């Protein structure tokens, strides 16, 4: 179809992504600065599906909800 792509997202995907970002920010707010692997474990990201954790984490950083820290660690923003 004209104007479509395999990467386009529907409203349901947008809501799901927002929940994933909220989960990441909440885990970091509760547990403090942590490694990427520990963040994934605490958030239960294994159940999210392939690639979803990385995409949500990148989006959370881009939106300013999560901050990158030295040595591959992440922290809640603000």
N, C-alpha and C. Protein backbone atom coordinates (compact mmCIF):
# COMPACT_ATOMS: atom_id res chain seq x y z
N UNK A 1 0.84 -1.18 0.00
CA UNK A 1 0.00 0.00 0.00
C UNK A 1 0.88 1.24 0.00
N UNK A 2 0.41 2.22 -0.64
CA UNK A 2 1.11 3.48 -0.73
C UNK A 2 1.13 4.18 0.63
N UNK A 3 2.32 4.62 1.04
CA UNK A 3 2.43 5.40 2.27
C UNK A 3 2.46 4.59 3.55
N UNK A 4 2.62 3.28 3.46
CA UNK A 4 2.71 2.47 4.67
C UNK A 4 4.11 1.89 4.79
N UNK A 5 4.45 1.48 5.98
CA UNK A 5 5.74 0.83 6.19
C UNK A 5 5.57 -0.26 7.23
N UNK A 6 6.55 -1.14 7.27
CA UNK A 6 6.52 -2.21 8.26
C UNK A 6 6.71 -1.66 9.67
N UNK A 7 7.32 -0.49 9.81
CA UNK A 7 7.62 0.07 11.12
C UNK A 7 6.53 1.01 11.64
N UNK A 8 5.47 1.22 10.89
CA UNK A 8 4.42 2.13 11.36
C UNK A 8 3.75 1.54 12.59
N UNK A 9 3.31 2.41 13.48
CA UNK A 9 2.72 1.97 14.74
C UNK A 9 1.30 2.48 14.84
N UNK A 10 0.43 1.66 15.37
CA UNK A 10 -0.94 2.06 15.60
C UNK A 10 -1.10 2.66 16.98
N UNK A 11 -2.32 3.07 17.27
CA UNK A 11 -2.60 3.68 18.57
C UNK A 11 -2.32 2.69 19.71
N UNK A 12 -2.67 1.44 19.52
CA UNK A 12 -2.41 0.43 20.55
C UNK A 12 -0.93 0.28 20.84
N UNK A 13 -0.11 0.32 19.79
CA UNK A 13 1.34 0.24 19.97
C UNK A 13 1.87 1.47 20.70
N UNK A 14 1.30 2.63 20.41
CA UNK A 14 1.72 3.86 21.08
C UNK A 14 1.40 3.78 22.57
N UNK A 15 0.23 3.30 22.90
CA UNK A 15 -0.15 3.15 24.31
C UNK A 15 0.74 2.13 25.02
N UNK A 16 1.03 1.03 24.33
CA UNK A 16 1.90 0.00 24.89
C UNK A 16 3.29 0.58 25.14
N UNK A 17 3.82 1.31 24.18
CA UNK A 17 5.14 1.93 24.34
C UNK A 17 5.13 2.89 25.52
N UNK A 18 4.08 3.67 25.68
CA UNK A 18 4.00 4.61 26.80
C UNK A 18 3.99 3.86 28.13
N UNK A 19 3.29 2.73 28.20
CA UNK A 19 3.29 1.92 29.42
C UNK A 19 4.68 1.37 29.71
N UNK A 20 5.38 0.95 28.66
CA UNK A 20 6.74 0.43 28.85
C UNK A 20 7.67 1.53 29.36
N UNK A 21 7.56 2.72 28.81
CA UNK A 21 8.37 3.86 29.26
C UNK A 21 8.03 4.18 30.71
N UNK A 22 6.75 4.20 31.04
CA UNK A 22 6.33 4.44 32.43
C UNK A 22 6.93 3.40 33.37
N UNK A 23 6.93 2.15 32.93
CA UNK A 23 7.49 1.08 33.74
C UNK A 23 8.96 1.31 34.00
N UNK A 24 9.71 1.65 32.96
CA UNK A 24 11.14 1.90 33.11
C UNK A 24 11.40 3.06 34.06
N UNK A 25 10.69 4.16 33.86
CA UNK A 25 10.86 5.33 34.72
C UNK A 25 10.48 4.99 36.17
N UNK A 26 9.42 4.23 36.35
CA UNK A 26 8.99 3.84 37.69
C UNK A 26 9.99 2.95 38.39
N UNK A 27 10.53 1.99 37.67
CA UNK A 27 11.53 1.09 38.25
C UNK A 27 12.74 1.90 38.70
N UNK A 28 13.19 2.82 37.85
CA UNK A 28 14.36 3.62 38.20
C UNK A 28 14.06 4.56 39.37
N UNK A 29 12.87 5.11 39.42
CA UNK A 29 12.50 5.98 40.54
C UNK A 29 12.48 5.19 41.85
N UNK A 30 12.03 3.95 41.78
CA UNK A 30 11.93 3.12 42.98
C UNK A 30 13.27 2.54 43.42
N UNK A 31 14.06 2.08 42.45
CA UNK A 31 15.29 1.35 42.77
C UNK A 31 16.57 2.18 42.62
N UNK A 32 16.47 3.34 42.01
CA UNK A 32 17.65 4.16 41.80
C UNK A 32 18.44 3.73 40.58
N UNK A 33 19.59 4.34 40.43
CA UNK A 33 20.45 4.07 39.27
C UNK A 33 20.78 2.59 39.19
N UNK A 34 20.72 2.05 37.96
CA UNK A 34 20.96 0.63 37.78
C UNK A 34 21.51 0.35 36.39
N UNK A 35 22.01 -0.85 36.22
CA UNK A 35 22.53 -1.26 34.91
C UNK A 35 21.38 -1.56 33.96
N UNK A 36 21.69 -1.61 32.70
CA UNK A 36 20.69 -1.94 31.68
C UNK A 36 20.09 -3.33 31.94
N UNK A 37 20.95 -4.29 32.24
CA UNK A 37 20.49 -5.67 32.47
C UNK A 37 19.58 -5.74 33.69
N UNK A 38 19.96 -5.05 34.76
CA UNK A 38 19.14 -5.07 35.97
C UNK A 38 17.82 -4.33 35.74
N UNK A 39 17.85 -3.25 34.99
CA UNK A 39 16.63 -2.53 34.65
C UNK A 39 15.67 -3.44 33.88
N UNK A 40 16.20 -4.16 32.91
CA UNK A 40 15.36 -5.09 32.14
C UNK A 40 14.75 -6.15 33.05
N UNK A 41 15.55 -6.68 33.96
CA UNK A 41 15.05 -7.71 34.87
C UNK A 41 13.96 -7.16 35.78
N UNK A 42 14.22 -6.01 36.39
CA UNK A 42 13.26 -5.42 37.32
C UNK A 42 11.95 -5.03 36.63
N UNK A 43 12.05 -4.63 35.36
CA UNK A 43 10.87 -4.21 34.60
C UNK A 43 10.09 -5.39 34.02
N UNK A 44 10.68 -6.58 34.06
CA UNK A 44 10.02 -7.75 33.47
C UNK A 44 10.01 -7.70 31.95
N UNK A 45 11.05 -7.11 31.38
CA UNK A 45 11.09 -6.87 29.93
C UNK A 45 11.19 -8.13 29.08
N UNK A 46 11.54 -9.25 29.66
CA UNK A 46 11.60 -10.50 28.88
C UNK A 46 10.23 -10.84 28.29
N UNK A 47 9.18 -10.37 28.93
CA UNK A 47 7.82 -10.67 28.47
C UNK A 47 7.33 -9.68 27.42
N UNK A 48 8.09 -8.64 27.13
CA UNK A 48 7.64 -7.58 26.23
C UNK A 48 7.72 -7.95 24.76
N UNK A 49 8.54 -8.88 24.40
CA UNK A 49 8.71 -9.23 23.00
C UNK A 49 10.05 -8.73 22.48
N UNK A 50 10.49 -9.29 21.37
CA UNK A 50 11.81 -8.99 20.83
C UNK A 50 11.98 -7.51 20.50
N UNK A 51 13.06 -6.93 21.01
CA UNK A 51 13.42 -5.56 20.68
C UNK A 51 12.65 -4.48 21.41
N UNK A 52 11.61 -4.83 22.12
CA UNK A 52 10.76 -3.81 22.73
C UNK A 52 11.46 -3.08 23.88
N UNK A 53 12.25 -3.79 24.67
CA UNK A 53 12.95 -3.13 25.77
C UNK A 53 13.91 -2.06 25.24
N UNK A 54 14.72 -2.42 24.28
CA UNK A 54 15.67 -1.46 23.71
C UNK A 54 14.98 -0.26 23.10
N UNK A 55 13.90 -0.49 22.39
CA UNK A 55 13.15 0.61 21.78
C UNK A 55 12.54 1.51 22.86
N UNK A 56 11.97 0.91 23.90
CA UNK A 56 11.36 1.69 24.97
C UNK A 56 12.42 2.48 25.74
N UNK A 57 13.57 1.88 25.97
CA UNK A 57 14.64 2.56 26.69
C UNK A 57 15.16 3.74 25.86
N UNK A 58 15.37 3.53 24.58
CA UNK A 58 15.81 4.64 23.70
C UNK A 58 14.78 5.77 23.71
N UNK A 59 13.51 5.42 23.63
CA UNK A 59 12.45 6.43 23.63
C UNK A 59 12.41 7.17 24.96
N UNK A 60 12.57 6.45 26.06
CA UNK A 60 12.56 7.07 27.38
C UNK A 60 13.71 8.06 27.54
N UNK A 61 14.87 7.71 27.03
CA UNK A 61 16.02 8.63 27.06
C UNK A 61 15.75 9.83 26.17
N UNK A 62 15.25 9.58 24.95
CA UNK A 62 14.98 10.67 24.01
C UNK A 62 13.93 11.64 24.56
N UNK A 63 12.96 11.14 25.29
CA UNK A 63 11.91 11.98 25.88
C UNK A 63 12.36 12.66 27.17
N UNK A 64 13.53 12.31 27.66
CA UNK A 64 14.03 12.91 28.88
C UNK A 64 13.47 12.30 30.15
N UNK A 65 12.86 11.13 30.04
CA UNK A 65 12.27 10.46 31.21
C UNK A 65 13.30 9.61 31.95
N UNK A 66 14.35 9.23 31.23
CA UNK A 66 15.43 8.41 31.77
C UNK A 66 16.75 9.04 31.34
N UNK A 67 17.75 9.01 32.23
CA UNK A 67 19.06 9.57 31.90
C UNK A 67 20.09 8.46 31.80
N UNK A 68 20.95 8.58 30.80
CA UNK A 68 22.11 7.70 30.71
C UNK A 68 23.13 8.17 31.73
N UNK A 69 23.76 7.20 32.39
CA UNK A 69 24.80 7.50 33.37
C UNK A 69 26.08 6.79 32.91
N UNK A 70 27.20 7.12 33.50
CA UNK A 70 28.45 6.45 33.12
C UNK A 70 28.38 4.94 33.36
N UNK A 71 29.22 4.23 32.63
CA UNK A 71 29.40 2.79 32.79
C UNK A 71 28.15 1.99 32.45
N UNK A 72 27.36 2.45 31.47
CA UNK A 72 26.20 1.69 31.01
C UNK A 72 25.05 1.63 31.99
N UNK A 73 24.96 2.62 32.84
CA UNK A 73 23.89 2.65 33.84
C UNK A 73 22.84 3.68 33.46
N UNK A 74 21.67 3.57 34.07
CA UNK A 74 20.55 4.47 33.79
C UNK A 74 19.94 4.92 35.10
N UNK A 75 19.33 6.13 35.06
CA UNK A 75 18.70 6.70 36.25
C UNK A 75 17.42 7.40 35.83
N UNK A 76 16.53 7.57 36.77
CA UNK A 76 15.31 8.33 36.52
C UNK A 76 15.68 9.79 36.31
N UNK A 77 14.99 10.46 35.43
CA UNK A 77 15.23 11.88 35.20
C UNK A 77 14.57 12.68 36.30
N UNK A 78 15.21 13.77 36.68
CA UNK A 78 14.62 14.68 37.67
C UNK A 78 14.62 14.07 38.99
